[in-house]
Protein backbone atom coordinates (compact mmCIF):
# COMPACT_ATOMS: atom_id res chain seq x y z
CA MET A 1 0.00 0.00 0.00
CA PRO A 2 1.45 3.33 -0.96
CA ARG A 3 2.30 5.69 1.82
CA THR A 4 0.80 9.15 1.61
CA THR A 5 2.38 12.09 3.23
CA LEU A 6 0.50 15.04 4.46
CA ARG A 7 1.90 18.38 3.60
CA ARG A 8 1.33 21.15 6.09
CA SER A 9 1.15 24.65 4.92
CA PRO A 10 2.94 27.33 6.97
CA ARG A 11 -0.38 29.14 7.36
CA LEU A 12 -2.06 26.07 8.89
CA ALA A 13 0.84 25.63 11.34
CA THR A 14 0.58 29.30 12.37
CA VAL A 15 -3.18 29.04 12.96
CA ALA A 16 -2.72 25.85 15.00
CA THR A 17 -0.03 27.53 17.13
CA ILE A 18 -2.23 30.58 17.80
CA ILE A 19 -5.15 28.37 18.81
CA ALA A 20 -2.93 26.33 21.15
CA ILE A 21 -1.53 29.48 22.80
CA GLY A 22 -5.00 31.01 23.18
CA LEU A 23 -6.35 27.81 24.71
CA GLY A 24 -3.42 27.72 27.13
CA LEU A 25 -4.07 31.32 28.21
CA VAL A 26 -7.77 30.68 28.74
CA LEU A 27 -7.12 27.54 30.77
CA SER A 28 -4.48 29.22 32.92
CA GLY A 29 -6.84 32.13 33.59
CA CYS A 30 -9.57 29.73 34.70
CA ALA A 31 -7.22 27.84 36.99
CA GLU A 32 -6.66 30.98 39.09
CA ASP A 33 -10.37 31.33 39.98
CA ALA A 34 -11.05 29.83 43.41
CA GLU A 35 -14.82 29.69 42.93
CA PRO A 36 -16.79 29.10 39.73
CA THR A 37 -18.85 32.06 38.57
CA ALA A 38 -21.76 32.47 36.21
CA THR A 39 -20.00 35.23 34.30
CA PRO A 40 -17.48 34.56 31.52
CA SER A 41 -13.86 34.13 32.58
CA PRO A 42 -11.65 37.19 32.02
CA SER A 43 -8.78 37.07 29.57
CA ALA A 44 -5.29 36.42 30.89
CA SER A 45 -4.31 40.08 30.52
CA GLU A 46 -7.45 41.23 32.42
CA THR A 47 -6.75 38.70 35.17
CA ALA A 48 -3.13 39.85 35.51
CA SER A 49 -4.22 43.50 35.59
CA GLU A 50 -6.88 42.85 38.25
CA SER A 51 -4.46 40.79 40.31
CA ALA A 52 -1.87 43.60 40.25
CA SER A 53 -4.54 46.15 41.25
CA GLU A 54 -5.76 43.98 44.13
CA THR A 55 -2.21 43.48 45.40
CA ALA A 56 -1.53 47.23 45.36
CA SER A 57 -4.85 47.90 47.10
CA GLU A 58 -4.20 45.29 49.79
CA THR A 59 -0.78 46.77 50.47
CA ALA A 60 -2.20 50.28 50.96
CA THR A 61 -5.22 49.27 53.07
CA GLN A 62 -5.43 47.10 56.15
CA SER A 63 -8.87 45.65 56.73
CA PRO A 64 -9.38 44.07 60.16
CA THR A 65 -12.54 42.25 59.01
CA GLU A 66 -14.33 41.46 55.78
CA THR A 67 -13.93 43.69 52.77
CA ALA A 68 -16.49 46.43 52.23
CA THR A 69 -19.55 45.98 50.11
CA PRO A 70 -19.64 48.22 47.04
CA ASP A 71 -22.63 50.23 48.35
CA ALA A 72 -21.08 50.95 51.78
CA GLN A 73 -20.83 54.58 52.84
CA THR A 74 -17.22 55.67 53.41
CA ILE A 75 -16.17 58.37 55.88
CA ASP A 76 -12.58 59.59 55.47
CA ILE A 77 -10.87 60.34 58.79
CA THR A 78 -7.40 61.83 59.18
CA VAL A 79 -5.60 61.76 62.54
CA SER A 80 -2.44 63.87 62.64
CA GLY A 81 -0.86 64.63 66.00
CA ASP A 82 -3.66 66.04 68.17
CA THR A 83 -5.88 67.00 65.21
CA VAL A 84 -8.72 64.97 63.69
CA THR A 85 -10.54 65.69 60.45
CA PRO A 86 -13.54 65.80 60.22
CA SER A 87 -14.28 67.46 63.52
CA GLY A 88 -17.82 66.99 64.80
CA GLU A 89 -19.62 67.01 61.41
CA ARG A 90 -23.03 65.35 61.11
CA VAL A 91 -23.30 62.53 58.61
CA ASP A 92 -26.57 60.88 57.52
CA ALA A 93 -26.69 57.09 57.76
CA LYS A 94 -29.29 54.34 57.48
CA VAL A 95 -30.09 51.66 60.04
CA GLY A 96 -28.22 48.48 59.09
CA GLU A 97 -26.13 50.23 56.41
CA GLU A 98 -22.45 49.35 56.32
CA ILE A 99 -20.22 52.35 57.00
CA ILE A 100 -16.48 52.24 56.40
CA LEU A 101 -14.33 54.51 58.54
CA HIS A 102 -11.30 55.05 56.27
CA VAL A 103 -8.69 56.13 58.81
CA THR A 104 -5.32 57.63 57.87
CA ALA A 105 -3.23 58.17 61.00
CA ASP A 106 0.33 59.01 61.99
CA ALA A 107 0.09 56.77 65.08
CA PRO A 108 -2.08 53.85 66.23
CA GLY A 109 -5.24 54.67 68.14
CA GLU A 110 -8.81 53.79 68.93
CA ILE A 111 -12.20 55.12 67.89
CA HIS A 112 -15.21 54.81 70.18
CA VAL A 113 -18.69 54.55 68.67
CA HIS A 114 -21.40 55.42 71.18
CA SER A 115 -24.06 53.17 69.68
CA THR A 116 -26.09 50.44 71.37
CA PRO A 117 -24.04 48.38 71.97
CA GLU A 118 -20.96 50.60 72.13
CA GLN A 119 -18.11 49.73 69.78
CA GLU A 120 -14.36 50.24 70.09
CA LEU A 121 -12.38 50.14 66.84
CA SER A 122 -8.57 50.08 66.81
CA TYR A 123 -6.45 51.36 63.95
CA ASP A 124 -2.74 51.25 63.14
CA ALA A 125 -0.44 53.98 61.88
CA GLY A 126 -0.99 54.32 58.14
CA THR A 127 -4.31 53.54 56.49
CA THR A 128 -6.98 51.29 57.98
CA ASP A 129 -10.57 50.58 56.92
CA LEU A 130 -12.89 49.96 59.86
CA PRO A 131 -16.34 48.51 59.02
CA LEU A 132 -19.22 49.69 61.17
CA THR A 133 -22.97 49.03 61.25
CA ILE A 134 -25.52 50.84 63.42
CA ASP A 135 -28.65 48.80 64.20
CA GLN A 136 -30.76 51.44 65.95
CA PRO A 137 -31.86 54.92 64.81
CA GLY A 138 -30.60 57.99 66.62
CA LEU A 139 -27.64 60.36 66.92
CA VAL A 140 -24.40 58.38 67.41
CA ASP A 141 -21.13 60.03 68.41
CA VAL A 142 -17.95 58.65 66.86
CA GLU A 143 -15.01 59.97 68.83
CA SER A 144 -11.41 59.68 69.85
CA HIS A 145 -11.20 59.33 73.62
CA THR A 146 -7.42 59.74 73.44
CA LEU A 147 -7.79 63.22 71.92
CA ASP A 148 -11.15 63.89 73.64
CA LEU A 149 -12.64 64.93 70.27
CA VAL A 150 -15.87 64.07 68.43
CA ILE A 151 -14.94 62.98 64.91
CA VAL A 152 -18.46 62.71 63.44
CA GLN A 153 -22.03 62.40 64.62
CA LEU A 154 -23.96 59.78 62.70
CA GLU A 155 -27.60 60.72 62.24
CA VAL A 156 -29.01 57.22 61.81
CA ARG A 157 -32.55 56.87 60.40
């Protein structure tokens, strides 16, 4: 029986190589996902970009508990020496709403939240995100006992 040889064209080899590389990238991107999702998997370049962004974000922010939900209200607080900003401002909040106290401080400290029950939140020097939820309506003082200053008053409705 005569032996036939298949001739490959350079174009076919190039297409096969591109498909193999693309498949490898897609599979490696899927392998990084810890949990399956209903949305399409991102491309390898999107995954690498998101991973780099998350790493930079985690380095800049210390979160003592779970990460914030996207609809959480954020209150920026700066503690420098014996000065706190904001200083006694009223901020509207909703019962059960997550509030993130985004604290930037030159030294570690503690924030007291005069809610029911009272809450004490510690922060380190640098930047710290402190999650907070108020379960009862009313006017709630958020203060630094160390500096004897009211930072904000949460008007919870």
